Amino acid sequence: MTYYTTHEPHRLRTLVLDAMGVIYTVGNDNRDLLCPFVQEKGGTEDISRILQLYHAASLGQISSRALWQEVGLDPGLEDQYLQRYKLTDGLSDFLEAVNSQGHEVWCLSNDISEWSKKLRARFGLERFIRGFIISGDVGIRKPEQAIFDRLIHRMPAGPRDALFVDDQRTNLDAAAALGFNTILFSPASHELTAEKHAVATSFAEVIRRLSG
């Protein structure tokens, strides 16, 4: 059941969501999910090597299959690994509410292309989210301006009519410099101070900001 209420008028037309730490519960998936999984399954214990390979894959420089092979695991374990990703509580109701209010939703994320496609298919996100700008597809990672430029080129309105939600301040700083409205999404924190970005500890707070 959707528990959000409708607010008028709608000041912002577009909502842009980060994936890790916003759509999905895990914020640092390479350290918190990938490294433990590789070690648990008997792959390399060299964390720096795992992170290096992840970074390359997230830029589309190597495939996810090559990543698994390089860390010493069977690529067939990929789907088992991806089962460890969970949606953030309240996301489905939130996306339904945002869509019903007529806002267009985009995802801008540093992620491996193959993993992003599998996860959004698994959770049915494409029925809520208009488009995905993924670092592994475009060869650019946040906070580089070029990846934001890709997004701006595809959005129906400019950044001043958009709200960008991320859990990393460096990404928010880059977005704000281009004119985006920004929110630091931090469900675990309730006493953040001296923030230059608005802070939301829940999706209910995000939708209040989006609706003005």
Protein backbone atom coordinates (compact mmCIF):
# COMPACT_ATOMS: atom_id res chain seq x y z
CA MET A 1 0.00 0.00 0.00
CA THR A 2 1.31 3.41 -0.93
CA TYR A 3 1.56 5.63 2.12
CA TYR A 4 2.75 8.88 0.58
CA THR A 5 0.39 11.78 0.08
CA THR A 6 0.15 14.02 -2.97
CA HIS A 7 1.39 17.58 -2.67
CA GLU A 8 0.72 20.47 -5.06
CA PRO A 9 2.13 22.22 -6.91
CA HIS A 10 4.93 20.13 -8.39
CA ARG A 11 7.95 22.44 -8.54
CA LEU A 12 10.52 19.96 -9.86
CA ARG A 13 9.93 17.91 -12.99
CA THR A 14 12.70 15.31 -12.83
CA LEU A 15 14.07 13.03 -10.11
CA VAL A 16 17.55 11.51 -10.49
CA LEU A 17 18.54 8.65 -8.17
CA ASP A 18 21.88 7.08 -7.44
CA ALA A 19 21.77 3.28 -7.30
CA MET A 20 24.11 2.15 -4.51
CA GLY A 21 23.06 3.60 -1.18
CA VAL A 22 19.78 4.97 -2.55
CA ILE A 23 17.96 2.41 -4.72
CA TYR A 24 19.86 -0.45 -3.10
CA THR A 25 20.71 -0.68 0.58
CA VAL A 26 24.43 -1.17 0.11
CA GLY A 27 26.40 2.01 -0.46
CA ASN A 28 29.85 0.61 -1.20
CA ASP A 29 29.08 -2.64 -2.99
CA ASN A 30 32.63 -3.37 -4.08
CA ARG A 31 33.98 -3.38 -0.52
CA ASP A 32 30.90 -4.55 1.38
CA LEU A 33 29.57 -7.19 -1.03
CA LEU A 34 32.08 -8.07 -3.74
CA CYS A 35 35.27 -8.46 -1.68
CA PRO A 36 33.65 -10.67 1.00
CA PHE A 37 31.94 -12.78 -1.69
CA VAL A 38 35.16 -13.36 -3.63
CA GLN A 39 37.03 -14.40 -0.49
CA GLU A 40 34.14 -16.54 0.76
CA LYS A 41 34.07 -18.48 -2.54
CA GLY A 42 37.82 -19.09 -2.56
CA GLY A 43 38.96 -16.38 -4.95
CA THR A 44 41.85 -14.00 -4.49
CA GLU A 45 42.35 -12.42 -1.07
CA ASP A 46 44.04 -9.38 -2.61
CA ILE A 47 41.44 -6.68 -1.89
CA SER A 48 43.32 -4.02 -3.82
CA ARG A 49 43.26 -6.27 -6.90
CA ILE A 50 39.51 -6.88 -6.55
CA LEU A 51 38.86 -3.16 -6.26
CA GLN A 52 41.10 -2.41 -9.25
CA LEU A 53 39.20 -4.92 -11.39
CA TYR A 54 35.85 -3.60 -10.19
CA HIS A 55 36.87 -0.07 -11.14
CA ALA A 56 37.89 -1.22 -14.63
CA ALA A 57 34.61 -3.09 -15.09
CA SER A 58 32.61 -0.09 -13.86
CA LEU A 59 34.21 1.92 -16.67
CA GLY A 60 33.40 -0.75 -19.25
CA GLN A 61 37.09 -1.54 -19.72
CA ILE A 62 36.56 -5.24 -18.93
CA SER A 63 33.40 -7.37 -18.83
CA SER A 64 31.88 -8.77 -15.68
CA ARG A 65 32.87 -12.23 -16.95
CA ALA A 66 36.51 -11.13 -17.15
CA LEU A 67 36.29 -9.69 -13.64
CA TRP A 68 35.16 -13.03 -12.20
CA GLN A 69 37.88 -14.90 -14.07
CA GLU A 70 40.57 -12.46 -12.92
CA VAL A 71 39.55 -12.80 -9.25
CA GLY A 72 39.69 -16.58 -9.61
CA LEU A 73 36.00 -17.47 -9.65
CA ASP A 74 33.59 -19.12 -12.07
CA PRO A 75 31.54 -16.42 -13.87
CA GLY A 76 28.55 -18.69 -13.28
CA LEU A 77 28.53 -17.45 -9.68
CA GLU A 78 27.44 -13.98 -10.81
CA ASP A 79 23.70 -14.50 -10.31
CA GLN A 80 24.32 -15.92 -6.85
CA TYR A 81 26.36 -12.85 -6.00
CA LEU A 82 23.70 -10.45 -7.24
CA GLN A 83 21.16 -12.02 -4.88
CA ARG A 84 22.95 -10.13 -2.11
CA TYR A 85 21.61 -6.79 -3.37
CA LYS A 86 18.43 -5.61 -1.65
CA LEU A 87 16.13 -2.70 -2.38
CA THR A 88 16.07 0.11 0.18
CA ASP A 89 12.97 -0.01 2.38
CA GLY A 90 10.07 1.96 0.94
CA LEU A 91 11.52 2.29 -2.56
CA SER A 92 8.62 0.66 -4.41
CA ASP A 93 5.97 2.82 -2.74
CA PHE A 94 8.14 5.87 -3.30
CA LEU A 95 8.57 5.21 -7.02
CA GLU A 96 4.85 4.56 -7.42
CA ALA A 97 4.07 7.88 -5.73
CA VAL A 98 6.60 9.81 -7.81
CA ASN A 99 5.30 8.29 -11.02
CA SER A 100 1.68 8.99 -10.10
CA GLN A 101 2.57 12.64 -9.53
CA GLY A 102 3.96 12.88 -13.06
CA HIS A 103 7.65 13.24 -12.25
CA GLU A 104 10.16 11.60 -14.59
CA VAL A 105 12.70 9.38 -12.83
CA TRP A 106 16.25 8.66 -13.97
CA CYS A 107 19.10 6.65 -12.48
CA LEU A 108 22.71 7.89 -12.60
CA SER A 109 25.12 5.34 -11.16
CA ASN A 110 28.69 4.09 -11.06
CA ASP A 111 28.08 0.43 -11.79
CA ILE A 112 29.06 -2.52 -13.94
CA SER A 113 26.83 -2.62 -17.02
CA GLU A 114 25.90 -6.30 -16.84
CA TRP A 115 25.09 -6.12 -13.13
CA SER A 116 22.97 -3.00 -13.52
CA LYS A 117 20.87 -4.63 -16.25
CA LYS A 118 20.34 -7.84 -14.28
CA LEU A 119 19.41 -6.04 -11.07
CA ARG A 120 16.89 -3.67 -12.62
CA ALA A 121 15.28 -6.58 -14.49
CA ARG A 122 15.12 -8.64 -11.29
CA PHE A 123 13.40 -5.86 -9.34
CA GLY A 124 11.26 -4.53 -12.20
CA LEU A 125 12.74 -1.04 -11.95
CA GLU A 126 12.37 -0.19 -15.62
CA ARG A 127 8.61 0.27 -15.24
CA PHE A 128 9.29 3.14 -12.84
CA ILE A 129 12.56 4.62 -14.12
CA ARG A 130 12.67 6.37 -17.49
CA GLY A 131 16.35 5.76 -18.19
CA PHE A 132 19.66 4.63 -16.75
CA ILE A 133 23.00 6.37 -17.23
CA ILE A 134 25.51 3.77 -16.04
CA SER A 135 29.26 4.30 -15.88
CA GLY A 136 29.95 0.87 -17.34
CA ASP A 137 27.91 1.80 -20.42
CA VAL A 138 29.38 5.26 -21.03
CA GLY A 139 32.96 4.82 -19.77
CA ILE A 140 32.73 7.71 -17.28
CA ARG A 141 32.23 7.67 -13.53
CA LYS A 142 30.70 10.20 -11.16
CA PRO A 143 31.74 12.80 -10.12
CA GLU A 144 33.14 13.57 -13.60
CA GLN A 145 31.11 16.29 -15.31
CA ALA A 146 30.92 14.32 -18.55
CA ILE A 147 28.59 11.70 -17.09
CA PHE A 148 26.27 14.42 -15.80
CA ASP A 149 26.34 15.97 -19.28
CA ARG A 150 25.10 12.66 -20.69
CA LEU A 151 22.19 12.77 -18.28
CA ILE A 152 21.36 16.43 -18.94
CA HIS A 153 21.31 15.78 -22.68
CA ARG A 154 18.62 13.11 -22.21
CA MET A 155 16.46 14.70 -19.50
CA PRO A 156 13.28 16.52 -20.58
CA ALA A 157 14.17 19.57 -18.47
CA GLY A 158 17.35 21.27 -17.30
CA PRO A 159 19.17 20.55 -14.02
CA ARG A 160 17.47 23.46 -12.22
CA ASP A 161 14.19 21.59 -12.64
CA ALA A 162 15.67 18.34 -11.36
CA LEU A 163 16.38 16.83 -7.94
CA PHE A 164 19.51 14.66 -7.64
CA VAL A 165 19.65 12.17 -4.75
CA ASP A 166 22.94 10.48 -3.82
CA ASP A 167 24.68 9.18 -0.71
CA GLN A 168 28.11 10.58 -1.65
CA ARG A 169 28.92 14.26 -1.07
CA THR A 170 31.47 14.44 -3.90
CA ASN A 171 28.80 13.43 -6.40
CA LEU A 172 26.35 15.92 -4.93
CA ASP A 173 28.94 18.70 -5.10
CA ALA A 174 29.47 17.98 -8.81
CA ALA A 175 25.73 17.97 -9.46
CA ALA A 176 25.15 21.21 -7.53
CA ALA A 177 27.87 22.92 -9.55
CA LEU A 178 25.84 22.17 -12.67
CA GLY A 179 22.65 23.59 -11.19
CA PHE A 180 20.93 20.48 -9.84
CA ASN A 181 18.90 20.60 -6.65
CA THR A 182 20.53 18.04 -4.35
CA ILE A 183 19.73 15.73 -1.44
CA LEU A 184 22.16 13.70 0.62
CA PHE A 185 20.35 10.41 1.28
CA SER A 186 21.44 9.07 4.65
CA PRO A 187 18.89 6.74 6.30
CA ALA A 188 21.26 5.80 9.12
CA SER A 189 22.08 9.38 10.13
CA HIS A 190 19.76 11.65 12.08
CA GLU A 191 22.08 14.40 13.29
CA LEU A 192 24.01 15.57 10.24
CA THR A 193 25.08 19.19 10.60
CA ALA A 194 26.89 21.82 8.52
CA GLU A 195 25.62 20.24 5.29
CA LYS A 196 25.53 22.28 2.09
CA HIS A 197 23.02 19.80 0.68
CA ALA A 198 19.55 19.05 1.97
CA VAL A 199 19.51 15.78 3.93
CA ALA A 200 16.89 13.02 3.80
CA THR A 201 16.79 10.02 6.12
CA SER A 202 13.81 8.47 4.32
CA PHE A 203 12.03 8.50 0.97
CA ALA A 204 9.14 10.35 2.58
CA GLU A 205 11.49 13.31 3.10
CA VAL A 206 12.66 13.10 -0.50
CA ILE A 207 9.16 13.24 -1.88
CA ARG A 208 8.31 16.25 0.29
CA ARG A 209 11.31 18.07 -1.19
CA LEU A 210 10.44 16.97 -4.71
CA SER A 211 6.88 18.18 -4.37
CA GLY A 212 7.84 21.53 -2.90
